[in-house]
Structures are given as C-alpha cells and as structure tokens.
Amino acid sequence: MTRTQIQLPDDTFARAKKLCEAREISLAELARRGIEYILSVYSTEQQASQEWHPPTPRNLGWKGLSHAEIKAEAQLTNTEIRLTRRGKKK
C-alpha cells in the first residue's frame, strides 16, 4: 500500500469528516472508496480497447432537401443568401 497526502478545501474536509463519523469509517477509507468508484466509472482499460467512431448523421429532412442540398445551403455566405432571395422575389 502506498501512503500519500491530499489537500482539501476546509468545507469539503468538514463534510467528509461528518460522513466518516456517521458511517464509522476512516477518512482514508472514504478516500479509497471514492477513488475506486471514480476509477470504475472512468475505466481507462475499456476506453483504450474500444475504437471510437463518429456518430452517423441523422436525416433531419430539413425543408425536404437532400444531404447535398442541405450542405450547399449551409455553406452559403450572407451575400449569396441575399442575392438568392432577391432573385426569388422577382
């Protein structure tokens, strides 16, 4: 077992001590349990073994446009949009 020191804000330390008294455990035991819990939630072994893939895009069906048309609309500049709207009004 390795011995270490940690620094806690005063209010965190006071809350931890009250919890330890209520549960009848030591502060060291509370710290060990907390660290073990965090390590189980954020397991690096699982993350390292799984290859990440970006999520597939959802079909939003925006104004009935195809994916290519949505991309083209999204890439228009403000000037191009204004010119396009003027042309549609005539």
PDB file of N, CA and C in Angstrom:
ATOM      1  N   MET A   1       0.846  -1.173   0.000  1.00  0.00           N
ATOM      2  CA  MET A   1       0.000   0.000   0.000  1.00  0.00           C
ATOM      3  C   MET A   1       0.891   1.234   0.000  1.00  0.00           C
ATOM      4  N   THR A   2       0.492   2.231  -0.757  1.00  0.00           N
ATOM      5  CA  THR A   2       1.239   3.478  -0.866  1.00  0.00           C
ATOM      6  C   THR A   2       0.605   4.522   0.029  1.00  0.00           C
ATOM      7  N   ARG A   3       1.433   5.289   0.672  1.00  0.00           N
ATOM      8  CA  ARG A   3       0.960   6.378   1.524  1.00  0.00           C
ATOM      9  C   ARG A   3       1.061   7.678   0.742  1.00  0.00           C
ATOM     10  N   THR A   4       0.037   8.533   0.847  1.00  0.00           N
ATOM     11  CA  THR A   4       0.030   9.785   0.105  1.00  0.00           C
ATOM     12  C   THR A   4      -0.655  10.871   0.923  1.00  0.00           C
ATOM     13  N   GLN A   5      -0.516  12.097   0.475  1.00  0.00           N
ATOM     14  CA  GLN A   5      -1.188  13.233   1.110  1.00  0.00           C
ATOM     15  C   GLN A   5      -2.070  13.923   0.085  1.00  0.00           C
ATOM     16  N   ILE A   6      -3.186  14.446   0.549  1.00  0.00           N
ATOM     17  CA  ILE A   6      -4.055  15.224  -0.326  1.00  0.00           C
ATOM     18  C   ILE A   6      -4.419  16.529   0.372  1.00  0.00           C
ATOM     19  N   GLN A   7      -4.783  17.518  -0.417  1.00  0.00           N
ATOM     20  CA  GLN A   7      -5.239  18.786   0.134  1.00  0.00           C
ATOM     21  C   GLN A   7      -6.699  18.958  -0.230  1.00  0.00           C
ATOM     22  N   LEU A   8      -7.505  19.316   0.788  1.00  0.00           N
ATOM     23  CA  LEU A   8      -8.937  19.507   0.583  1.00  0.00           C
ATOM     24  C   LEU A   8      -9.340  20.895   1.062  1.00  0.00           C
ATOM     25  N   PRO A   9     -10.307  21.513   0.402  1.00  0.00           N
ATOM     26  CA  PRO A   9     -10.851  22.754   0.944  1.00  0.00           C
ATOM     27  C   PRO A   9     -11.468  22.474   2.321  1.00  0.00           C
ATOM     28  N   ASP A  10     -11.475  23.476   3.188  1.00  0.00           N
ATOM     29  CA  ASP A  10     -11.957  23.283   4.556  1.00  0.00           C
ATOM     30  C   ASP A  10     -13.382  22.751   4.616  1.00  0.00           C
ATOM     31  N   ASP A  11     -14.285  23.277   3.788  1.00  0.00           N
ATOM     32  CA  ASP A  11     -15.674  22.815   3.831  1.00  0.00           C
ATOM     33  C   ASP A  11     -15.809  21.367   3.346  1.00  0.00           C
ATOM     34  N   THR A  12     -15.015  20.983   2.362  1.00  0.00           N
ATOM     35  CA  THR A  12     -15.033  19.595   1.884  1.00  0.00           C
ATOM     36  C   THR A  12     -14.519  18.653   2.956  1.00  0.00           C
ATOM     37  N   PHE A  13     -13.460  19.053   3.621  1.00  0.00           N
ATOM     38  CA  PHE A  13     -12.895  18.242   4.706  1.00  0.00           C
ATOM     39  C   PHE A  13     -13.917  18.073   5.831  1.00  0.00           C
ATOM     40  N   ALA A  14     -14.594  19.161   6.211  1.00  0.00           N
ATOM     41  CA  ALA A  14     -15.578  19.092   7.292  1.00  0.00           C
ATOM     42  C   ALA A  14     -16.738  18.164   6.925  1.00  0.00           C
ATOM     43  N   ARG A  15     -17.221  18.272   5.688  1.00  0.00           N
ATOM     44  CA  ARG A  15     -18.302  17.396   5.237  1.00  0.00           C
ATOM     45  C   ARG A  15     -17.860  15.941   5.202  1.00  0.00           C
ATOM     46  N   ALA A  16     -16.627  15.699   4.754  1.00  0.00           N
ATOM     47  CA  ALA A  16     -16.100  14.334   4.695  1.00  0.00           C
ATOM     48  C   ALA A  16     -15.968  13.744   6.096  1.00  0.00           C
ATOM     49  N   LYS A  17     -15.489  14.546   7.049  1.00  0.00           N
ATOM     50  CA  LYS A  17     -15.334  14.063   8.423  1.00  0.00           C
ATOM     51  C   LYS A  17     -16.694  13.699   9.024  1.00  0.00           C
ATOM     52  N   LYS A  18     -17.733  14.510   8.777  1.00  0.00           N
ATOM     53  CA  LYS A  18     -19.071  14.211   9.281  1.00  0.00           C
ATOM     54  C   LYS A  18     -19.593  12.906   8.698  1.00  0.00           C
ATOM     55  N   LEU A  19     -19.359  12.708   7.393  1.00  0.00           N
ATOM     56  CA  LEU A  19     -19.785  11.469   6.756  1.00  0.00           C
ATOM     57  C   LEU A  19     -19.047  10.272   7.345  1.00  0.00           C
ATOM     58  N   CYS A  20     -17.752  10.429   7.572  1.00  0.00           N
ATOM     59  CA  CYS A  20     -16.959   9.342   8.151  1.00  0.00           C
ATOM     60  C   CYS A  20     -17.469   8.971   9.540  1.00  0.00           C
ATOM     61  N   GLU A  21     -17.797   9.984  10.335  1.00  0.00           N
ATOM     62  CA  GLU A  21     -18.328   9.718  11.675  1.00  0.00           C
ATOM     63  C   GLU A  21     -19.665   8.998  11.591  1.00  0.00           C
ATOM     64  N   ALA A  22     -20.526   9.420  10.680  1.00  0.00           N
ATOM     65  CA  ALA A  22     -21.843   8.798  10.535  1.00  0.00           C
ATOM     66  C   ALA A  22     -21.731   7.360  10.050  1.00  0.00           C
ATOM     67  N   ARG A  23     -20.794   7.094   9.162  1.00  0.00           N
ATOM     68  CA  ARG A  23     -20.614   5.744   8.602  1.00  0.00           C
ATOM     69  C   ARG A  23     -19.625   4.888   9.399  1.00  0.00           C
ATOM     70  N   GLU A  24     -18.987   5.510  10.369  1.00  0.00           N
ATOM     71  CA  GLU A  24     -17.979   4.835  11.197  1.00  0.00           C
ATOM     72  C   GLU A  24     -16.853   4.233  10.355  1.00  0.00           C
ATOM     73  N   ILE A  25     -16.332   5.082   9.450  1.00  0.00           N
ATOM     74  CA  ILE A  25     -15.171   4.696   8.648  1.00  0.00           C
ATOM     75  C   ILE A  25     -14.128   5.800   8.760  1.00  0.00           C
ATOM     76  N   SER A  26     -12.915   5.473   8.402  1.00  0.00           N
ATOM     77  CA  SER A  26     -11.844   6.468   8.450  1.00  0.00           C
ATOM     78  C   SER A  26     -11.886   7.343   7.188  1.00  0.00           C
ATOM     79  N   LEU A  27     -11.230   8.482   7.284  1.00  0.00           N
ATOM     80  CA  LEU A  27     -11.132   9.366   6.123  1.00  0.00           C
ATOM     81  C   LEU A  27     -10.355   8.666   5.002  1.00  0.00           C
ATOM     82  N   ALA A  28      -9.361   7.887   5.358  1.00  0.00           N
ATOM     83  CA  ALA A  28      -8.589   7.141   4.355  1.00  0.00           C
ATOM     84  C   ALA A  28      -9.483   6.145   3.618  1.00  0.00           C
ATOM     85  N   GLU A  29     -10.374   5.472   4.366  1.00  0.00           N
ATOM     86  CA  GLU A  29     -11.294   4.519   3.737  1.00  0.00           C
ATOM     87  C   GLU A  29     -12.264   5.232   2.804  1.00  0.00           C
ATOM     88  N   LEU A  30     -12.757   6.384   3.229  1.00  0.00           N
ATOM     89  CA  LEU A  30     -13.637   7.176   2.370  1.00  0.00           C
ATOM     90  C   LEU A  30     -12.924   7.570   1.082  1.00  0.00           C
ATOM     91  N   ALA A  31     -11.679   8.013   1.198  1.00  0.00           N
ATOM     92  CA  ALA A  31     -10.901   8.405   0.019  1.00  0.00           C
ATOM     93  C   ALA A  31     -10.666   7.200  -0.890  1.00  0.00           C
ATOM     94  N   ARG A  32     -10.322   6.052  -0.319  1.00  0.00           N
ATOM     95  CA  ARG A  32     -10.104   4.846  -1.135  1.00  0.00           C
ATOM     96  C   ARG A  32     -11.374   4.466  -1.894  1.00  0.00           C
ATOM     97  N   ARG A  33     -12.505   4.467  -1.184  1.00  0.00           N
ATOM     98  CA  ARG A  33     -13.770   4.103  -1.833  1.00  0.00           C
ATOM     99  C   ARG A  33     -14.129   5.087  -2.942  1.00  0.00           C
ATOM    100  N   GLY A  34     -13.908   6.369  -2.677  1.00  0.00           N
ATOM    101  CA  GLY A  34     -14.207   7.377  -3.692  1.00  0.00           C
ATOM    102  C   GLY A  34     -13.337   7.223  -4.921  1.00  0.00           C
ATOM    103  N   ILE A  35     -12.067   6.987  -4.717  1.00  0.00           N
ATOM    104  CA  ILE A  35     -11.145   6.812  -5.846  1.00  0.00           C
ATOM    105  C   ILE A  35     -11.482   5.544  -6.618  1.00  0.00           C
ATOM    106  N   GLU A  36     -11.791   4.454  -5.900  1.00  0.00           N
ATOM    107  CA  GLU A  36     -12.159   3.209  -6.583  1.00  0.00           C
ATOM    108  C   GLU A  36     -13.429   3.389  -7.409  1.00  0.00           C
ATOM    109  N   TYR A  37     -14.388   4.143  -6.868  1.00  0.00           N
ATOM    110  CA  TYR A  37     -15.626   4.386  -7.617  1.00  0.00           C
ATOM    111  C   TYR A  37     -15.342   5.177  -8.894  1.00  0.00           C
ATOM    112  N   ILE A  38     -14.594   6.251  -8.786  1.00  0.00           N
ATOM    113  CA  ILE A  38     -14.275   7.072  -9.961  1.00  0.00           C
ATOM    114  C   ILE A  38     -13.524   6.245 -11.001  1.00  0.00           C
ATOM    115  N   LEU A  39     -12.598   5.415 -10.557  1.00  0.00           N
ATOM    116  CA  LEU A  39     -11.852   4.571 -11.491  1.00  0.00           C
ATOM    117  C   LEU A  39     -12.763   3.553 -12.179  1.00  0.00           C
ATOM    118  N   SER A  40     -13.779   3.063 -11.473  1.00  0.00           N
ATOM    119  CA  SER A  40     -14.698   2.107 -12.110  1.00  0.00           C
ATOM    120  C   SER A  40     -15.583   2.802 -13.143  1.00  0.00           C
ATOM    121  N   VAL A  41     -15.941   4.053 -12.875  1.00  0.00           N
ATOM    122  CA  VAL A  41     -16.781   4.800 -13.815  1.00  0.00           C
ATOM    123  C   VAL A  41     -15.980   5.215 -15.047  1.00  0.00           C
ATOM    124  N   TYR A  42     -14.752   5.665 -14.831  1.00  0.00           N
ATOM    125  CA  TYR A  42     -13.906   6.142 -15.922  1.00  0.00           C
ATOM    126  C   TYR A  42     -12.785   5.143 -16.182  1.00  0.00           C
ATOM    127  N   SER A  43     -13.147   3.917 -16.443  1.00  0.00           N
ATOM    128  CA  SER A  43     -12.167   2.860 -16.652  1.00  0.00           C
ATOM    129  C   SER A  43     -11.347   3.130 -17.908  1.00  0.00           C
ATOM    130  N   THR A  44     -10.037   3.275 -17.767  1.00  0.00           N
ATOM    131  CA  THR A  44      -9.174   3.530 -18.924  1.00  0.00           C
ATOM    132  C   THR A  44      -8.961   2.271 -19.748  1.00  0.00           C
ATOM    133  N   GLU A  45      -9.091   1.096 -19.139  1.00  0.00           N
ATOM    134  CA  GLU A  45      -8.919  -0.144 -19.887  1.00  0.00           C
ATOM    135  C   GLU A  45      -9.992  -0.302 -20.946  1.00  0.00           C
ATOM    136  N   GLN A  46     -11.240  -0.007 -20.594  1.00  0.00           N
ATOM    137  CA  GLN A  46     -12.324  -0.116 -21.559  1.00  0.00           C
ATOM    138  C   GLN A  46     -12.178   0.924 -22.658  1.00  0.00           C
ATOM    139  N   GLN A  47     -11.815   2.144 -22.286  1.00  0.00           N
ATOM    140  CA  GLN A  47     -11.686   3.205 -23.270  1.00  0.00           C
ATOM    141  C   GLN A  47     -10.558   2.919 -24.247  1.00  0.00           C
ATOM    142  N   ALA A  48      -9.458   2.364 -23.766  1.00  0.00           N
ATOM    143  CA  ALA A  48      -8.311   2.096 -24.629  1.00  0.00           C
ATOM    144  C   ALA A  48      -8.611   0.961 -25.611  1.00  0.00           C
ATOM    145  N   SER A  49      -9.422  -0.014 -25.198  1.00  0.00           N
ATOM    146  CA  SER A  49      -9.677  -1.167 -26.050  1.00  0.00           C
ATOM    147  C   SER A  49     -10.746  -0.900 -27.110  1.00  0.00           C
ATOM    148  N   GLN A  50     -11.591   0.085 -26.896  1.00  0.00           N
ATOM    149  CA  GLN A  50     -12.663   0.362 -27.836  1.00  0.00           C
ATOM    150  C   GLN A  50     -12.223   1.419 -28.843  1.00  0.00           C
ATOM    151  N   GLU A  51     -12.393   1.096 -30.109  1.00  0.00           N
ATOM    152  CA  GLU A  51     -12.072   2.056 -31.153  1.00  0.00           C
ATOM    153  C   GLU A  51     -13.250   3.009 -31.315  1.00  0.00           C
ATOM    154  N   TRP A  52     -12.974   4.299 -31.356  1.00  0.00           N
ATOM    155  CA  TRP A  52     -14.028   5.301 -31.438  1.00  0.00           C
ATOM    156  C   TRP A  52     -14.403   5.558 -32.884  1.00  0.00           C
ATOM    157  N   HIS A  53     -15.698   5.660 -33.135  1.00  0.00           N
ATOM    158  CA  HIS A  53     -16.227   6.015 -34.451  1.00  0.00           C
ATOM    159  C   HIS A  53     -17.177   7.186 -34.267  1.00  0.00           C
ATOM    160  N   PRO A  54     -17.132   8.166 -35.156  1.00  0.00           N
ATOM    161  CA  PRO A  54     -18.070   9.282 -35.021  1.00  0.00           C
ATOM    162  C   PRO A  54     -19.496   8.794 -35.245  1.00  0.00           C
ATOM    163  N   PRO A  55     -20.457   9.440 -34.610  1.00  0.00           N
ATOM    164  CA  PRO A  55     -21.841   9.012 -34.810  1.00  0.00           C
ATOM    165  C   PRO A  55     -22.296   9.271 -36.236  1.00  0.00           C
ATOM    166  N   THR A  56     -23.197   8.445 -36.709  1.00  0.00           N
ATOM    167  CA  THR A  56     -23.709   8.637 -38.062  1.00  0.00           C
ATOM    168  C   THR A  56     -24.689   9.807 -38.046  1.00  0.00           C
ATOM    169  N   PRO A  57     -24.679  10.621 -39.084  1.00  0.00           N
ATOM    170  CA  PRO A  57     -25.577  11.773 -39.106  1.00  0.00           C
ATOM    171  C   PRO A  57     -27.033  11.332 -39.235  1.00  0.00           C
ATOM    172  N   ARG A  58     -27.900  12.093 -38.586  1.00  0.00           N
ATOM    173  CA  ARG A  58     -29.335  11.804 -38.676  1.00  0.00           C
ATOM    174  C   ARG A  58     -29.910  12.513 -39.895  1.00  0.00           C
ATOM    175  N   ASN A  59     -30.924  11.933 -40.466  1.00  0.00           N
ATOM    176  CA  ASN A  59     -31.610  12.565 -41.579  1.00  0.00           C
ATOM    177  C   ASN A  59     -32.633  13.527 -40.992  1.00  0.00           C
ATOM    178  N   LEU A  60     -32.335  14.813 -41.063  1.00  0.00           N
ATOM    179  CA  LEU A  60     -33.196  15.823 -40.462  1.00  0.00           C
ATOM    180  C   LEU A  60     -34.374  16.190 -41.346  1.00  0.00           C
ATOM    181  N   GLY A  61     -34.258  15.928 -42.630  1.00  0.00           N
ATOM    182  CA  GLY A  61     -35.346  16.226 -43.538  1.00  0.00           C
ATOM    183  C   GLY A  61     -35.682  17.702 -43.590  1.00  0.00           C
ATOM    184  N   TRP A  62     -34.695  18.541 -43.484  1.00  0.00           N
ATOM    185  CA  TRP A  62     -34.894  19.983 -43.429  1.00  0.00           C
ATOM    186  C   TRP A  62     -35.420  20.505 -44.745  1.00  0.00           C
ATOM    187  N   LYS A  63     -36.599  21.023 -44.732  1.00  0.00           N
ATOM    188  CA  LYS A  63     -37.261  21.605 -45.904  1.00  0.00           C
ATOM    189  C   LYS A  63     -37.304  20.650 -47.096  1.00  0.00           C
ATOM    190  N   GLY A  64     -37.238  19.366 -46.830  1.00  0.00           N
ATOM    191  CA  GLY A  64     -37.314  18.382 -47.898  1.00  0.00           C
ATOM    192  C   GLY A  64     -36.094  18.342 -48.793  1.00  0.00           C
ATOM    193  N   LEU A  65     -34.971  18.871 -48.324  1.00  0.00           N
ATOM    194  CA  LEU A  65     -33.752  18.906 -49.136  1.00  0.00           C
ATOM    195  C   LEU A  65     -32.927  17.636 -48.932  1.00  0.00           C
ATOM    196  N   SER A  66     -32.140  17.292 -49.926  1.00  0.00           N
ATOM    197  CA  SER A  66     -31.222  16.158 -49.810  1.00  0.00           C
ATOM    198  C   SER A  66     -30.025  16.584 -48.964  1.00  0.00           C
ATOM    199  N   HIS A  67     -29.195  15.622 -48.563  1.00  0.00           N
ATOM    200  CA  HIS A  67     -27.998  15.938 -47.778  1.00  0.00           C
ATOM    201  C   HIS A  67     -27.080  16.900 -48.530  1.00  0.00           C
ATOM    202  N   ALA A  68     -26.916  16.688 -49.811  1.00  0.00           N
ATOM    203  CA  ALA A  68     -26.057  17.570 -50.608  1.00  0.00           C
ATOM    204  C   ALA A  68     -26.623  18.980 -50.669  1.00  0.00           C
ATOM    205  N   GLU A  69     -27.947  19.094 -50.804  1.00  0.00           N
ATOM    206  CA  GLU A  69     -28.577  20.420 -50.857  1.00  0.00           C
ATOM    207  C   GLU A  69     -28.492  21.142 -49.512  1.00  0.00           C
ATOM    208  N   ILE A  70     -28.644  20.393 -48.421  1.00  0.00           N
ATOM    209  CA  ILE A  70     -28.500  20.990 -47.083  1.00  0.00           C
ATOM    210  C   ILE A  70     -27.084  21.509 -46.899  1.00  0.00           C
ATOM    211  N   LYS A  71     -26.097  20.717 -47.317  1.00  0.00           N
ATOM    212  CA  LYS A  71     -24.700  21.140 -47.197  1.00  0.00           C
ATOM    213  C   LYS A  71     -24.455  22.403 -48.022  1.00  0.00           C
ATOM    214  N   ALA A  72     -24.988  22.431 -49.230  1.00  0.00           N
ATOM    215  CA  ALA A  72     -24.807  23.611 -50.089  1.00  0.00           C
ATOM    216  C   ALA A  72     -25.458  24.839 -49.457  1.00  0.00           C
ATOM    217  N   GLU A  73     -26.647  24.699 -48.882  1.00  0.00           N
ATOM    218  CA  GLU A  73     -27.345  25.812 -48.225  1.00  0.00           C
ATOM    219  C   GLU A  73     -26.550  26.300 -47.015  1.00  0.00           C
ATOM    220  N   ALA A  74     -25.997  25.379 -46.266  1.00  0.00           N
ATOM    221  CA  ALA A  74     -25.255  25.736 -45.057  1.00  0.00           C
ATOM    222  C   ALA A  74     -23.970  26.485 -45.369  1.00  0.00           C
ATOM    223  N   GLN A  75     -23.429  26.283 -46.545  1.00  0.00           N
ATOM    224  CA  GLN A  75     -22.160  26.908 -46.905  1.00  0.00           C
ATOM    225  C   GLN A  75     -22.323  28.248 -47.622  1.00  0.00           C
ATOM    226  N   LEU A  76     -23.560  28.680 -47.806  1.00  0.00           N
ATOM    227  CA  LEU A  76     -23.789  29.962 -48.459  1.00  0.00           C
ATOM    228  C   LEU A  76     -23.368  31.109 -47.538  1.00  0.00           C
ATOM    229  N   THR A  77     -22.809  32.141 -48.119  1.00  0.00           N
ATOM    230  CA  THR A  77     -22.473  33.349 -47.357  1.00  0.00           C
ATOM    231  C   THR A  77     -23.707  34.235 -47.262  1.00  0.00           C
ATOM    232  N   ASN A  78     -23.673  35.228 -46.387  1.00  0.00           N
ATOM    233  CA  ASN A  78     -24.803  36.149 -46.247  1.00  0.00           C
ATOM    234  C   ASN A  78     -25.096  36.877 -47.558  1.00  0.00           C
ATOM    235  N   THR A  79     -24.048  37.263 -48.262  1.00  0.00           N
ATOM    236  CA  THR A  79     -24.236  37.956 -49.541  1.00  0.00           C
ATOM    237  C   THR A  79     -24.938  37.052 -50.542  1.00  0.00           C
ATOM    238  N   GLU A  80     -24.510  35.806 -50.625  1.00  0.00           N
ATOM    239  CA  GLU A  80     -25.139  34.855 -51.547  1.00  0.00           C
ATOM    240  C   GLU A  80     -26.605  34.625 -51.183  1.00  0.00           C
ATOM    241  N   ILE A  81     -26.899  34.585 -49.897  1.00  0.00           N
ATOM    242  CA  ILE A  81     -28.285  34.391 -49.463  1.00  0.00           C
ATOM    243  C   ILE A  81     -29.145  35.582 -49.878  1.00  0.00           C
ATOM    244  N   ARG A  82     -28.629  36.797 -49.652  1.00  0.00           N
ATOM    245  CA  ARG A  82     -29.381  37.999 -50.030  1.00  0.00           C
ATOM    246  C   ARG A  82     -29.632  38.039 -51.534  1.00  0.00           C
ATOM    247  N   LEU A  83     -28.601  37.720 -52.314  1.00  0.00           N
ATOM    248  CA  LEU A  83     -28.755  37.727 -53.770  1.00  0.00           C
ATOM    249  C   LEU A  83     -29.754  36.674 -54.224  1.00  0.00           C
ATOM    250  N   THR A  84     -29.748  35.509 -53.582  1.00  0.00           N
ATOM    251  CA  THR A  84     -30.674  34.438 -53.937  1.00  0.00           C
ATOM    252  C   THR A  84     -32.103  34.844 -53.617  1.00  0.00           C
ATOM    253  N   ARG A  85     -32.316  35.475 -52.455  1.00  0.00           N
ATOM    254  CA  ARG A  85     -33.671  35.904 -52.064  1.00  0.00           C
ATOM    255  C   ARG A  85     -34.200  36.991 -52.997  1.00  0.00           C
ATOM    256  N   ARG A  86     -33.341  37.913 -53.411  1.00  0.00           N
ATOM    257  CA  ARG A  86     -33.767  38.970 -54.339  1.00  0.00           C
ATOM    258  C   ARG A  86     -34.222  38.371 -55.665  1.00  0.00           C
ATOM    259  N   GLY A  87     -33.469  37.349 -56.115  1.00  0.00           N
ATOM    260  CA  GLY A  87     -33.819  36.711 -57.382  1.00  0.00           C
ATOM    261  C   GLY A  87     -35.137  35.969 -57.316  1.00  0.00           C
ATOM    262  N   LYS A  88     -35.501  35.430 -56.142  1.00  0.00           N
ATOM    263  CA  LYS A  88     -36.759  34.678 -55.993  1.00  0.00           C
ATOM    264  C   LYS A  88     -37.953  35.603 -55.934  1.00  0.00           C
ATOM    265  N   LYS A  89     -37.772  36.843 -55.424  1.00  0.00           N
ATOM    266  CA  LYS A  89     -38.880  37.796 -55.285  1.00  0.00           C
ATOM    267  C   LYS A  89     -39.356  38.312 -56.635  1.00  0.00           C
ATOM    268  N   LYS A  90     -38.506  38.389 -57.604  1.00  0.00           N
ATOM    269  CA  LYS A  90     -38.858  38.936 -58.924  1.00  0.00           C
ATOM    270  C   LYS A  90     -39.723  38.027 -59.721  1.00  0.00           C
TER     271      LYS A  90
END
